[in-house]
PDB file of N, CA and C in Angstrom:
ATOM      1  N   MET A   1      -4.116   7.859  10.704  1.00  0.00           N
ATOM      2  CA  MET A   1      -5.367   7.887   9.988  1.00  0.00           C
ATOM      3  C   MET A   1      -5.413   6.687   9.044  1.00  0.00           C
ATOM      4  N   SER A   2      -6.489   5.921   9.089  1.00  0.00           N
ATOM      5  CA  SER A   2      -6.634   4.811   8.161  1.00  0.00           C
ATOM      6  C   SER A   2      -8.094   4.422   8.041  1.00  0.00           C
ATOM      7  N   GLU A   3      -8.399   3.717   6.985  1.00  0.00           N
ATOM      8  CA  GLU A   3      -9.742   3.185   6.818  1.00  0.00           C
ATOM      9  C   GLU A   3      -9.880   2.004   7.774  1.00  0.00           C
ATOM     10  N   GLU A   4     -10.969   1.947   8.507  1.00  0.00           N
ATOM     11  CA  GLU A   4     -11.166   0.802   9.391  1.00  0.00           C
ATOM     12  C   GLU A   4     -11.892  -0.324   8.682  1.00  0.00           C
ATOM     13  N   SER A   5     -12.660   0.049   7.652  1.00  0.00           N
ATOM     14  CA  SER A   5     -13.352  -0.974   6.874  1.00  0.00           C
ATOM     15  C   SER A   5     -13.515  -0.488   5.438  1.00  0.00           C
ATOM     16  N   TYR A   6     -13.789  -1.435   4.569  1.00  0.00           N
ATOM     17  CA  TYR A   6     -14.036  -1.132   3.164  1.00  0.00           C
ATOM     18  C   TYR A   6     -15.241  -1.944   2.756  1.00  0.00           C
ATOM     19  N   GLU A   7     -16.308  -1.265   2.352  1.00  0.00           N
ATOM     20  CA  GLU A   7     -17.566  -1.927   1.986  1.00  0.00           C
ATOM     21  C   GLU A   7     -18.011  -2.919   3.055  1.00  0.00           C
ATOM     22  N   GLY A   8     -17.835  -2.528   4.315  1.00  0.00           N
ATOM     23  CA  GLY A   8     -18.279  -3.348   5.433  1.00  0.00           C
ATOM     24  C   GLY A   8     -17.310  -4.446   5.856  1.00  0.00           C
ATOM     25  N   ILE A   9     -16.196  -4.572   5.163  1.00  0.00           N
ATOM     26  CA  ILE A   9     -15.198  -5.592   5.474  1.00  0.00           C
ATOM     27  C   ILE A   9     -14.073  -4.937   6.275  1.00  0.00           C
ATOM     28  N   PRO A  10     -13.650  -5.549   7.392  1.00  0.00           N
ATOM     29  CA  PRO A  10     -12.521  -4.971   8.136  1.00  0.00           C
ATOM     30  C   PRO A  10     -11.305  -4.804   7.226  1.00  0.00           C
ATOM     31  N   ARG A  11     -10.712  -3.643   7.261  1.00  0.00           N
ATOM     32  CA  ARG A  11      -9.593  -3.321   6.362  1.00  0.00           C
ATOM     33  C   ARG A  11      -8.440  -4.315   6.489  1.00  0.00           C
ATOM     34  N   ASN A  12      -8.187  -4.801   7.690  1.00  0.00           N
ATOM     35  CA  ASN A  12      -7.049  -5.719   7.873  1.00  0.00           C
ATOM     36  C   ASN A  12      -7.268  -7.091   7.229  1.00  0.00           C
ATOM     37  N   LYS A  13      -8.462  -7.365   6.719  1.00  0.00           N
ATOM     38  CA  LYS A  13      -8.725  -8.636   6.032  1.00  0.00           C
ATOM     39  C   LYS A  13      -8.528  -8.516   4.516  1.00  0.00           C
ATOM     40  N   ILE A  14      -8.307  -7.284   4.031  1.00  0.00           N
ATOM     41  CA  ILE A  14      -8.168  -7.050   2.599  1.00  0.00           C
ATOM     42  C   ILE A  14      -6.683  -6.884   2.254  1.00  0.00           C
ATOM     43  N   PRO A  15      -6.147  -7.783   1.445  1.00  0.00           N
ATOM     44  CA  PRO A  15      -4.716  -7.743   1.132  1.00  0.00           C
ATOM     45  C   PRO A  15      -4.372  -6.720   0.041  1.00  0.00           C
ATOM     46  N   TRP A  16      -4.570  -5.449   0.332  1.00  0.00           N
ATOM     47  CA  TRP A  16      -4.252  -4.382  -0.617  1.00  0.00           C
ATOM     48  C   TRP A  16      -3.253  -3.433   0.036  1.00  0.00           C
ATOM     49  N   TYR A  17      -2.040  -3.438  -0.449  1.00  0.00           N
ATOM     50  CA  TYR A  17      -0.991  -2.577   0.101  1.00  0.00           C
ATOM     51  C   TYR A  17       0.152  -2.521  -0.906  1.00  0.00           C
ATOM     52  N   PRO A  18       0.962  -1.473  -0.829  1.00  0.00           N
ATOM     53  CA  PRO A  18       2.076  -1.354  -1.760  1.00  0.00           C
ATOM     54  C   PRO A  18       3.249  -2.244  -1.371  1.00  0.00           C
ATOM     55  N   SER A  19       4.028  -2.599  -2.370  1.00  0.00           N
ATOM     56  CA  SER A  19       5.296  -3.305  -2.173  1.00  0.00           C
ATOM     57  C   SER A  19       6.374  -2.499  -2.881  1.00  0.00           C
ATOM     58  N   ILE A  20       7.567  -2.451  -2.290  1.00  0.00           N
ATOM     59  CA  ILE A  20       8.671  -1.700  -2.868  1.00  0.00           C
ATOM     60  C   ILE A  20       9.743  -2.670  -3.357  1.00  0.00           C
ATOM     61  N   ASN A  21      10.123  -2.512  -4.606  1.00  0.00           N
ATOM     62  CA  ASN A  21      11.220  -3.293  -5.178  1.00  0.00           C
ATOM     63  C   ASN A  21      12.493  -2.483  -4.936  1.00  0.00           C
ATOM     64  N   TYR A  22      13.317  -2.915  -3.990  1.00  0.00           N
ATOM     65  CA  TYR A  22      14.494  -2.150  -3.615  1.00  0.00           C
ATOM     66  C   TYR A  22      15.609  -2.195  -4.659  1.00  0.00           C
ATOM     67  N   GLU A  23      15.507  -3.082  -5.629  1.00  0.00           N
ATOM     68  CA  GLU A  23      16.475  -3.067  -6.722  1.00  0.00           C
ATOM     69  C   GLU A  23      16.211  -1.889  -7.657  1.00  0.00           C
ATOM     70  N   LYS A  24      14.960  -1.407  -7.673  1.00  0.00           N
ATOM     71  CA  LYS A  24      14.588  -0.258  -8.504  1.00  0.00           C
ATOM     72  C   LYS A  24      14.540   1.046  -7.710  1.00  0.00           C
ATOM     73  N   CYS A  25      14.222   0.968  -6.421  1.00  0.00           N
ATOM     74  CA  CYS A  25      14.005   2.147  -5.584  1.00  0.00           C
ATOM     75  C   CYS A  25      15.249   3.039  -5.541  1.00  0.00           C
ATOM     76  N   ILE A  26      15.032   4.348  -5.740  1.00  0.00           N
ATOM     77  CA  ILE A  26      16.141   5.306  -5.703  1.00  0.00           C
ATOM     78  C   ILE A  26      16.118   6.137  -4.416  1.00  0.00           C
ATOM     79  N   SER A  27      15.269   5.752  -3.468  1.00  0.00           N
ATOM     80  CA  SER A  27      15.174   6.406  -2.149  1.00  0.00           C
ATOM     81  C   SER A  27      14.898   7.905  -2.241  1.00  0.00           C
ATOM     82  N   CYS A  28      14.046   8.294  -3.183  1.00  0.00           N
ATOM     83  CA  CYS A  28      13.732   9.714  -3.350  1.00  0.00           C
ATOM     84  C   CYS A  28      12.727  10.209  -2.312  1.00  0.00           C
ATOM     85  N   GLY A  29      11.928   9.290  -1.749  1.00  0.00           N
ATOM     86  CA  GLY A  29      10.959   9.659  -0.725  1.00  0.00           C
ATOM     87  C   GLY A  29       9.658  10.230  -1.263  1.00  0.00           C
ATOM     88  N   LYS A  30       9.451  10.206  -2.568  1.00  0.00           N
ATOM     89  CA  LYS A  30       8.209  10.751  -3.120  1.00  0.00           C
ATOM     90  C   LYS A  30       6.985   9.998  -2.601  1.00  0.00           C
ATOM     91  N   CYS A  31       7.119   8.706  -2.379  1.00  0.00           N
ATOM     92  CA  CYS A  31       5.994   7.919  -1.859  1.00  0.00           C
ATOM     93  C   CYS A  31       5.656   8.341  -0.427  1.00  0.00           C
ATOM     94  N   VAL A  32       6.682   8.603   0.371  1.00  0.00           N
ATOM     95  CA  VAL A  32       6.470   9.035   1.758  1.00  0.00           C
ATOM     96  C   VAL A  32       5.740  10.369   1.765  1.00  0.00           C
ATOM     97  N   ASP A  33       6.192  11.306   0.924  1.00  0.00           N
ATOM     98  CA  ASP A  33       5.572  12.625   0.849  1.00  0.00           C
ATOM     99  C   ASP A  33       4.162  12.555   0.279  1.00  0.00           C
ATOM    100  N   PHE A  34       3.940  11.675  -0.700  1.00  0.00           N
ATOM    101  CA  PHE A  34       2.656  11.587  -1.386  1.00  0.00           C
ATOM    102  C   PHE A  34       1.542  11.014  -0.516  1.00  0.00           C
ATOM    103  N   CYS A  35       1.816   9.919   0.180  1.00  0.00           N
ATOM    104  CA  CYS A  35       0.751   9.173   0.875  1.00  0.00           C
ATOM    105  C   CYS A  35       0.304   9.889   2.145  1.00  0.00           C
ATOM    106  N   HIS A  36      -0.860  10.541   2.060  1.00  0.00           N
ATOM    107  CA  HIS A  36      -1.387  11.253   3.223  1.00  0.00           C
ATOM    108  C   HIS A  36      -2.002  10.298   4.251  1.00  0.00           C
ATOM    109  N   MET A  37      -2.046   9.018   3.930  1.00  0.00           N
ATOM    110  CA  MET A  37      -2.583   8.031   4.867  1.00  0.00           C
ATOM    111  C   MET A  37      -1.485   7.422   5.749  1.00  0.00           C
ATOM    112  N   GLY A  38      -0.234   7.725   5.445  1.00  0.00           N
ATOM    113  CA  GLY A  38       0.874   7.245   6.274  1.00  0.00           C
ATOM    114  C   GLY A  38       1.269   5.799   6.052  1.00  0.00           C
ATOM    115  N   ALA A  39       1.028   5.278   4.853  1.00  0.00           N
ATOM    116  CA  ALA A  39       1.411   3.891   4.581  1.00  0.00           C
ATOM    117  C   ALA A  39       2.933   3.737   4.538  1.00  0.00           C
ATOM    118  N   PHE A  40       3.633   4.809   4.139  1.00  0.00           N
ATOM    119  CA  PHE A  40       5.089   4.775   4.004  1.00  0.00           C
ATOM    120  C   PHE A  40       5.771   5.571   5.112  1.00  0.00           C
ATOM    121  N   ALA A  41       7.020   5.231   5.362  1.00  0.00           N
ATOM    122  CA  ALA A  41       7.862   5.991   6.298  1.00  0.00           C
ATOM    123  C   ALA A  41       9.311   5.809   5.850  1.00  0.00           C
ATOM    124  N   PHE A  42      10.191   6.643   6.397  1.00  0.00           N
ATOM    125  CA  PHE A  42      11.612   6.479   6.145  1.00  0.00           C
ATOM    126  C   PHE A  42      12.197   5.577   7.214  1.00  0.00           C
ATOM    127  N   GLU A  43      13.170   4.775   6.814  1.00  0.00           N
ATOM    128  CA  GLU A  43      13.896   3.902   7.729  1.00  0.00           C
ATOM    129  C   GLU A  43      15.376   4.057   7.400  1.00  0.00           C
ATOM    130  N   GLU A  44      16.190   4.039   8.438  1.00  0.00           N
ATOM    131  CA  GLU A  44      17.635   4.113   8.218  1.00  0.00           C
ATOM    132  C   GLU A  44      18.185   2.692   8.220  1.00  0.00           C
ATOM    133  N   LYS A  45      18.910   2.354   7.161  1.00  0.00           N
ATOM    134  CA  LYS A  45      19.500   1.021   7.068  1.00  0.00           C
ATOM    135  C   LYS A  45      20.888   1.162   6.471  1.00  0.00           C
ATOM    136  N   GLU A  46      21.860   0.648   7.178  1.00  0.00           N
ATOM    137  CA  GLU A  46      23.253   0.711   6.740  1.00  0.00           C
ATOM    138  C   GLU A  46      23.676   2.142   6.415  1.00  0.00           C
ATOM    139  N   GLY A  47      23.233   3.075   7.259  1.00  0.00           N
ATOM    140  CA  GLY A  47      23.604   4.474   7.100  1.00  0.00           C
ATOM    141  C   GLY A  47      22.878   5.209   5.991  1.00  0.00           C
ATOM    142  N   LYS A  48      21.898   4.558   5.355  1.00  0.00           N
ATOM    143  CA  LYS A  48      21.152   5.186   4.269  1.00  0.00           C
ATOM    144  C   LYS A  48      19.671   5.213   4.606  1.00  0.00           C
ATOM    145  N   LYS A  49      19.010   6.300   4.204  1.00  0.00           N
ATOM    146  CA  LYS A  49      17.560   6.396   4.377  1.00  0.00           C
ATOM    147  C   LYS A  49      16.883   5.706   3.203  1.00  0.00           C
ATOM    148  N   ARG A  50      15.817   4.983   3.515  1.00  0.00           N
ATOM    149  CA  ARG A  50      15.028   4.400   2.440  1.00  0.00           C
ATOM    150  C   ARG A  50      13.563   4.376   2.847  1.00  0.00           C
ATOM    151  N   SER A  51      12.695   4.345   1.865  1.00  0.00           N
ATOM    152  CA  SER A  51      11.260   4.270   2.111  1.00  0.00           C
ATOM    153  C   SER A  51      10.892   2.833   2.448  1.00  0.00           C
ATOM    154  N   VAL A  52       9.961   2.683   3.380  1.00  0.00           N
ATOM    155  CA  VAL A  52       9.438   1.357   3.726  1.00  0.00           C
ATOM    156  C   VAL A  52       7.922   1.450   3.840  1.00  0.00           C
ATOM    157  N   VAL A  53       7.250   0.322   3.661  1.00  0.00           N
ATOM    158  CA  VAL A  53       5.808   0.256   3.880  1.00  0.00           C
ATOM    159  C   VAL A  53       5.632  -0.020   5.366  1.00  0.00           C
ATOM    160  N   LYS A  54       5.350   1.028   6.125  1.00  0.00           N
ATOM    161  CA  LYS A  54       5.269   0.916   7.576  1.00  0.00           C
ATOM    162  C   LYS A  54       3.869   0.526   8.061  1.00  0.00           C
ATOM    163  N   ASN A  55       2.848   1.040   7.400  1.00  0.00           N
ATOM    164  CA  ASN A  55       1.458   0.788   7.796  1.00  0.00           C
ATOM    165  C   ASN A  55       0.658   0.297   6.589  1.00  0.00           C
ATOM    166  N   PRO A  56       0.831  -0.969   6.203  1.00  0.00           N
ATOM    167  CA  PRO A  56       0.177  -1.456   4.983  1.00  0.00           C
ATOM    168  C   PRO A  56      -1.339  -1.319   4.985  1.00  0.00           C
ATOM    169  N   ASN A  57      -1.973  -1.482   6.148  1.00  0.00           N
ATOM    170  CA  ASN A  57      -3.431  -1.381   6.190  1.00  0.00           C
ATOM    171  C   ASN A  57      -3.937   0.055   6.158  1.00  0.00           C
ATOM    172  N   SER A  58      -3.016   1.016   6.129  1.00  0.00           N
ATOM    173  CA  SER A  58      -3.412   2.415   5.963  1.00  0.00           C
ATOM    174  C   SER A  58      -3.649   2.752   4.496  1.00  0.00           C
ATOM    175  N   CYS A  59      -3.156   1.912   3.612  1.00  0.00           N
ATOM    176  CA  CYS A  59      -3.324   2.139   2.180  1.00  0.00           C
ATOM    177  C   CYS A  59      -4.808   2.069   1.829  1.00  0.00           C
ATOM    178  N   VAL A  60      -5.283   3.069   1.103  1.00  0.00           N
ATOM    179  CA  VAL A  60      -6.684   3.095   0.674  1.00  0.00           C
ATOM    180  C   VAL A  60      -6.878   1.997  -0.374  1.00  0.00           C
ATOM    181  N   VAL A  61      -7.880   1.168  -0.170  1.00  0.00           N
ATOM    182  CA  VAL A  61      -8.142   0.053  -1.079  1.00  0.00           C
ATOM    183  C   VAL A  61      -8.347   0.577  -2.500  1.00  0.00           C
ATOM    184  N   PHE A  62      -7.594   0.023  -3.416  1.00  0.00           N
ATOM    185  CA  PHE A  62      -7.571   0.332  -4.845  1.00  0.00           C
ATOM    186  C   PHE A  62      -6.893   1.654  -5.207  1.00  0.00           C
ATOM    187  N   CYS A  63      -6.271   2.326  -4.256  1.00  0.00           N
ATOM    188  CA  CYS A  63      -5.475   3.510  -4.573  1.00  0.00           C
ATOM    189  C   CYS A  63      -4.131   3.038  -5.121  1.00  0.00           C
ATOM    190  N   ARG A  64      -3.670   3.673  -6.169  1.00  0.00           N
ATOM    191  CA  ARG A  64      -2.368   3.370  -6.775  1.00  0.00           C
ATOM    192  C   ARG A  64      -1.560   4.645  -7.005  1.00  0.00           C
ATOM    193  N   GLY A  65      -1.904   5.698  -6.290  1.00  0.00           N
ATOM    194  CA  GLY A  65      -1.248   6.988  -6.495  1.00  0.00           C
ATOM    195  C   GLY A  65       0.251   6.944  -6.324  1.00  0.00           C
ATOM    196  N   CYS A  66       0.727   6.195  -5.347  1.00  0.00           N
ATOM    197  CA  CYS A  66       2.173   6.114  -5.109  1.00  0.00           C
ATOM    198  C   CYS A  66       2.881   5.430  -6.276  1.00  0.00           C
ATOM    199  N   GLU A  67       2.209   4.482  -6.911  1.00  0.00           N
ATOM    200  CA  GLU A  67       2.781   3.837  -8.097  1.00  0.00           C
ATOM    201  C   GLU A  67       2.979   4.872  -9.200  1.00  0.00           C
ATOM    202  N   ASP A  68       1.981   5.731  -9.361  1.00  0.00           N
ATOM    203  CA  ASP A  68       2.014   6.725 -10.423  1.00  0.00           C
ATOM    204  C   ASP A  68       3.103   7.770 -10.226  1.00  0.00           C
ATOM    205  N   ILE A  69       3.407   8.138  -8.975  1.00  0.00           N
ATOM    206  CA  ILE A  69       4.392   9.191  -8.734  1.00  0.00           C
ATOM    207  C   ILE A  69       5.811   8.650  -8.566  1.00  0.00           C
ATOM    208  N   CYS A  70       5.969   7.344  -8.464  1.00  0.00           N
ATOM    209  CA  CYS A  70       7.309   6.760  -8.282  1.00  0.00           C
ATOM    210  C   CYS A  70       8.106   6.870  -9.586  1.00  0.00           C
ATOM    211  N   PRO A  71       9.161   7.688  -9.594  1.00  0.00           N
ATOM    212  CA  PRO A  71       9.917   7.871 -10.833  1.00  0.00           C
ATOM    213  C   PRO A  71      10.703   6.630 -11.266  1.00  0.00           C
ATOM    214  N   ALA A  72      10.931   5.705 -10.354  1.00  0.00           N
ATOM    215  CA  ALA A  72      11.711   4.504 -10.671  1.00  0.00           C
ATOM    216  C   ALA A  72      10.839   3.291 -10.992  1.00  0.00           C
ATOM    217  N   GLY A  73       9.517   3.424 -10.826  1.00  0.00           N
ATOM    218  CA  GLY A  73       8.632   2.287 -11.060  1.00  0.00           C
ATOM    219  C   GLY A  73       8.864   1.168 -10.067  1.00  0.00           C
ATOM    220  N   ALA A  74       9.221   1.535  -8.832  1.00  0.00           N
ATOM    221  CA  ALA A  74       9.584   0.548  -7.817  1.00  0.00           C
ATOM    222  C   ALA A  74       8.411   0.076  -6.963  1.00  0.00           C
ATOM    223  N   ILE A  75       7.246   0.699  -7.118  1.00  0.00           N
ATOM    224  CA  ILE A  75       6.107   0.363  -6.262  1.00  0.00           C
ATOM    225  C   ILE A  75       5.045  -0.389  -7.060  1.00  0.00           C
ATOM    226  N   THR A  76       4.551  -1.475  -6.473  1.00  0.00           N
ATOM    227  CA  THR A  76       3.474  -2.251  -7.085  1.00  0.00           C
ATOM    228  C   THR A  76       2.431  -2.573  -6.019  1.00  0.00           C
ATOM    229  N   HIS A  77       1.269  -2.967  -6.487  1.00  0.00           N
ATOM    230  CA  HIS A  77       0.173  -3.403  -5.621  1.00  0.00           C
ATOM    231  C   HIS A  77      -0.316  -4.760  -6.114  1.00  0.00           C
ATOM    232  N   PRO A  78      -1.087  -5.459  -5.286  1.00  0.00           N
ATOM    233  CA  PRO A  78      -1.665  -6.731  -5.736  1.00  0.00           C
ATOM    234  C   PRO A  78      -2.622  -6.511  -6.914  1.00  0.00           C
ATOM    235  N   SER A  79      -3.041  -7.570  -7.517  1.00  0.00           N
ATOM    236  CA  SER A  79      -3.996  -7.515  -8.619  1.00  0.00           C
ATOM    237  C   SER A  79      -5.343  -6.973  -8.124  1.00  0.00           C
ATOM    238  N   GLU A  80      -5.873  -5.968  -8.840  1.00  0.00           N
ATOM    239  CA  GLU A  80      -7.189  -5.433  -8.474  1.00  0.00           C
ATOM    240  C   GLU A  80      -8.255  -6.506  -8.628  1.00  0.00           C
ATOM    241  N   GLU A  81      -8.148  -7.291  -9.681  1.00  0.00           N
ATOM    242  CA  GLU A  81      -9.128  -8.344  -9.946  1.00  0.00           C
ATOM    243  C   GLU A  81      -9.146  -9.371  -8.806  1.00  0.00           C
ATOM    244  N   GLU A  82      -7.979  -9.828  -8.402  1.00  0.00           N
ATOM    245  CA  GLU A  82      -7.901 -10.809  -7.315  1.00  0.00           C
ATOM    246  C   GLU A  82      -8.380 -10.217  -5.991  1.00  0.00           C
ATOM    247  N   THR A  83      -8.028  -8.959  -5.750  1.00  0.00           N
ATOM    248  CA  THR A  83      -8.458  -8.301  -4.516  1.00  0.00           C
ATOM    249  C   THR A  83      -9.977  -8.173  -4.494  1.00  0.00           C
ATOM    250  N   GLN A  84     -10.584  -7.828  -5.626  1.00  0.00           N
ATOM    251  CA  GLN A  84     -12.040  -7.711  -5.692  1.00  0.00           C
ATOM    252  C   GLN A  84     -12.703  -9.058  -5.426  1.00  0.00           C
ATOM    253  N   LYS A  85     -12.109 -10.139  -5.936  1.00  0.00           N
ATOM    254  CA  LYS A  85     -12.652 -11.486  -5.677  1.00  0.00           C
ATOM    255  C   LYS A  85     -12.616 -11.799  -4.179  1.00  0.00           C
ATOM    256  N   ILE A  86     -11.530 -11.427  -3.531  1.00  0.00           N
ATOM    257  CA  ILE A  86     -11.402 -11.661  -2.087  1.00  0.00           C
ATOM    258  C   ILE A  86     -12.456 -10.855  -1.331  1.00  0.00           C
ATOM    259  N   ILE A  87     -12.657  -9.613  -1.723  1.00  0.00           N
ATOM    260  CA  ILE A  87     -13.665  -8.757  -1.079  1.00  0.00           C
ATOM    261  C   ILE A  87     -15.045  -9.350  -1.234  1.00  0.00           C
ATOM    262  N   GLU A  88     -15.371  -9.813  -2.453  1.00  0.00           N
ATOM    263  CA  GLU A  88     -16.695 -10.428  -2.710  1.00  0.00           C
ATOM    264  C   GLU A  88     -16.882 -11.677  -1.858  1.00  0.00           C
ATOM    265  N   LYS A  89     -15.838 -12.478  -1.751  1.00  0.00           N
ATOM    266  CA  LYS A  89     -15.906 -13.704  -0.953  1.00  0.00           C
ATOM    267  C   LYS A  89     -16.142 -13.363   0.536  1.00  0.00           C
ATOM    268  N   LEU A  90     -15.442 -12.330   1.017  1.00  0.00           N
ATOM    269  CA  LEU A  90     -15.613 -11.907   2.405  1.00  0.00           C
ATOM    270  C   LEU A  90     -17.016 -11.349   2.658  1.00  0.00           C
ATOM    271  N   LYS A  91     -17.561 -10.646   1.669  1.00  0.00           N
ATOM    272  CA  LYS A  91     -18.922 -10.106   1.802  1.00  0.00           C
ATOM    273  C   LYS A  91     -19.949 -11.240   1.894  1.00  0.00           C
ATOM    274  N   LYS A  92     -19.769 -12.262   1.046  1.00  0.00           N
ATOM    275  CA  LYS A  92     -20.689 -13.408   1.047  1.00  0.00           C
ATOM    276  C   LYS A  92     -20.603 -14.151   2.384  1.00  0.00           C
ATOM    277  N   ALA A  93     -19.416 -14.306   2.909  1.00  0.00           N
ATOM    278  CA  ALA A  93     -19.227 -15.010   4.176  1.00  0.00           C
ATOM    279  C   ALA A  93     -19.879 -14.234   5.327  1.00  0.00           C
ATOM    280  N   LYS A  94     -19.910 -12.920   5.194  1.00  0.00           N
ATOM    281  CA  LYS A  94     -20.486 -12.068   6.234  1.00  0.00           C
ATOM    282  C   LYS A  94     -22.022 -12.071   6.186  1.00  0.00           C
ATOM    283  N   ALA A  95     -22.570 -12.277   4.984  1.00  0.00           N
ATOM    284  CA  ALA A  95     -24.025 -12.198   4.794  1.00  0.00           C
ATOM    285  C   ALA A  95     -24.780 -13.345   5.439  1.00  0.00           C
TER     286      ALA A  95
END
C-alpha cells in the first residue's frame, strides 16, 4: 500500500522518506511495527536483525510518526521546507 501521487505529483518524484542513523538505532523494531504503509522492514545482517527503509516511496509525504516513536532518536526525514519547495516547483512544471 502506498500513495501513488501527492497533490497531483507522482510520489516517486518527491524526496520524502525516513533515514536511519545506525549509530543511534537500538534495533527495537518500533518503526517497523508503527508504519502501516510498509516503509520499514527487518533485515538480517551479521546475525542481527535491524530495521531498514525498504520502501521509501511508501512513506506518507510529511508524516513523521516514526521519528516520534523512535526511542533512540535514530530516524530523520528531509527538511519539510525544502520538500515543499520541490513540490511547488514540480507543480509549476506540470502546469
